[in-house]
Amino acid sequence: MASPKQVSEHEAQGEVERVLHEMRRTLRVTGLDVTVRTWAGFERFLVAMWEAMGPNTETRAFEAAADEVRAQAVEAAGRLGRLGAWEAALLGESQRYHVRGALELYHYLNPKMLVFTSAVKLALQDEPVGALQPLGSAERMERGAPARMRAMEEVEERPDDARLRSLFKDIEETVGPPVLPGEFRGLALWPGYLEAAWERLKPRLRTEEWARACDALLETSRRLARRLPYEVALSKERLEVLREDAEAHPAGDGAVRVAAAGAGDGDGDAGGGRGRPRAAAALPGGGAAGAGLRGGGGAAMNWREYQARQRVVELGHRFISYVDEGRGAPLVLLHGIPTWGFLWSGLLPALSLTHRVLIPDLLGYGYSDRREGFDRSIARQAEALDAWMDRLGVEDAVVVGHDIGGGIAQHLAVRFPRRVSRLCLMNSICFDSWPIEMMVQLGHPAVVRKLSAQAVQRMLKVALKRMGFATAPPDGLVEGLLAPYATEVGKTSLVRDAAALDTNQTQELVPRLPHMAVPTRVVWGVEDTFQPVKWGERLAWEIPGAKLVRVERARHFVMWDQPHAVMTALYEFLGMEERPRLEGLEPRDAEVPSLQGPLI
């Protein structure tokens, strides 16, 4: 059976857009699952359904009903036992953090959707729903997702990765509905974990104990749906008046899924997930994919291997993912836009031989917090990094910044001078050299609604490959640099990042640059077209004692074009007389790629 068309909140227009926004806010979640996105393909049904269900959904009684379903599901999952997927997937700290966050999201959402969908189905069967012995308070709940809830991020239903497609096909054939449940697509961001979990979960879906648990949860959700505070005025007759086919939209048995998720207890697994009756999908709470379906090719390590090394620090309701490797004096490496900490993976092995290398993903970038609702400007990034260093117990460090990371490094040196023992700026933003036109276009809010994540990825890949490198980048490097932005959540976050680029935040530093007292080195790929070398010359002239190192046959991504020259410049700047042998970082000499042809 072909999958029904899904409509996301960003794609929606008119009344559908309004309803999806109200549903997300009222359900108090960061995203809407595939059931709602499929309903959105039937506009008149969606609007009528929400008119009928909205008053109940915002009540404390609805929340209490979902809590009861959730508690019953956790109890049932406990009887089914642990899956042991954590250990099998070889998880990194940051990966565990992200997968746990994804499971907690569905653990919260799925019971709500089971009660919600049960009420809709009962109403369409002309059974009375609501206002019959109400089960709780009709008091309204505060709208909006809890502050710590993770973004709902998913891979495409038909991913490019052949092994993921095969895995999804097996899940679809086993679970049953024509629409792949969203938690599987979410956990596919860490495919090694999904493989390990599904391998252990699949046999349980065929057991009588599983079927009984599913039936019991469905019966509980229907019982609770009947006792919601307000009558649900929805029927087949009303749909016929609206000229909607009551059998066509996904409100029948195939769409009522067992919606309960065990949250997991850190190192343990509890059941949870969705599926149709007698084929429900419960996924264990746990970790991520270091192993299995990895990307890669050519670079010092592929991006999944790098991601597996990341750790996590929480800063209030936000969090930063970072790499912390090696021993010695702290060395902080800051990436730019549209990259993440993986930018430095080629230099990491050599630098970690002599230094404690700390590589954060900036807030809103990579695998740090990418939810909506916070200031991503370089001034606020500097403040976040000051707090991050404090949490790690790092008093000061050599700070190396590339692109906007260089702008953030300038803010650190000017506003938090105790944090910066030495400063190195590589092809950095400065003065009014930024944002470049491509980033201005990317930051327009309409990009979120009008361009898919795949379209943005194609545009950026072409631009980086044609204009970012003077030498041929290693296989898989550009794909790895853009990997965190391949989903709709990642794309939206990157658009918000680009929208936060503000020339004034480097211009305001100009009067203070001549008063900087930190030793500074400016390293520049002289063929850079994004940040021409004239800006490096001006920086070196403005900052007292700064020296400019020109790197020939290098463009914006100087650390990849000429890693040997960059490492040599860093070693010299750090005063290292005894230097490790730079294996694999030999000087590179290649023709500059042609710039002919359109970028998009």
Foldseek 3Di string as FASTA:
>chain_A
DADADFAFLLQDDDPLVVLLVLVCFQLAAQGDWRQSRRVSVVPVSSNLLCVQCVLLSQFVLLLVLLVVLQVLQQVLQVVVFFLQLFVQQLFFALQFVQLLLLLVRLQSRQSSVLLSLLLQLCVQVVHWFAQDQAPDTSDGDRTHHPLQRAHQWFDDLCDPQPVLNVVQVVLCVQQPASDRTSSLRRQVLQVSSSVSQCVRQRVVLQDPSNLVSLVVSSVSSNVSRRNGHGIRNDYCVVVVVVVHHPVPRPSDQQNNWSRYADSADASTWTWGAIGGRSRGHTTTNGGGHLDDPFDDFFAPTALSVVQSQWHWDDDVSWIKIKHWAAADFEEEEEEAPPFFQCLCVRVVVFVRPHHGYIGIGFDLHDSTGNRDDDQRALLVSLVVVVVVCVVVVQQAHAYEYAAVRLLNQLNCCQVVVRHHQAYEYELYDAQQLDDDPVLVVLLDPSCLNPPALVRVLLLQLLCCQQAAWLAHFTPNPSCSRCVQSSISSSSNSSSNNSNNYDNVSRNVCQVVQLVGDHHYEYEYACSAPSRHCVVSVVSQVRHPNYYYHYDYSTYRSRCRQQVPSVVVVVCVSVVPPDGDDPPPRDGDDDGGDDNDDDSD
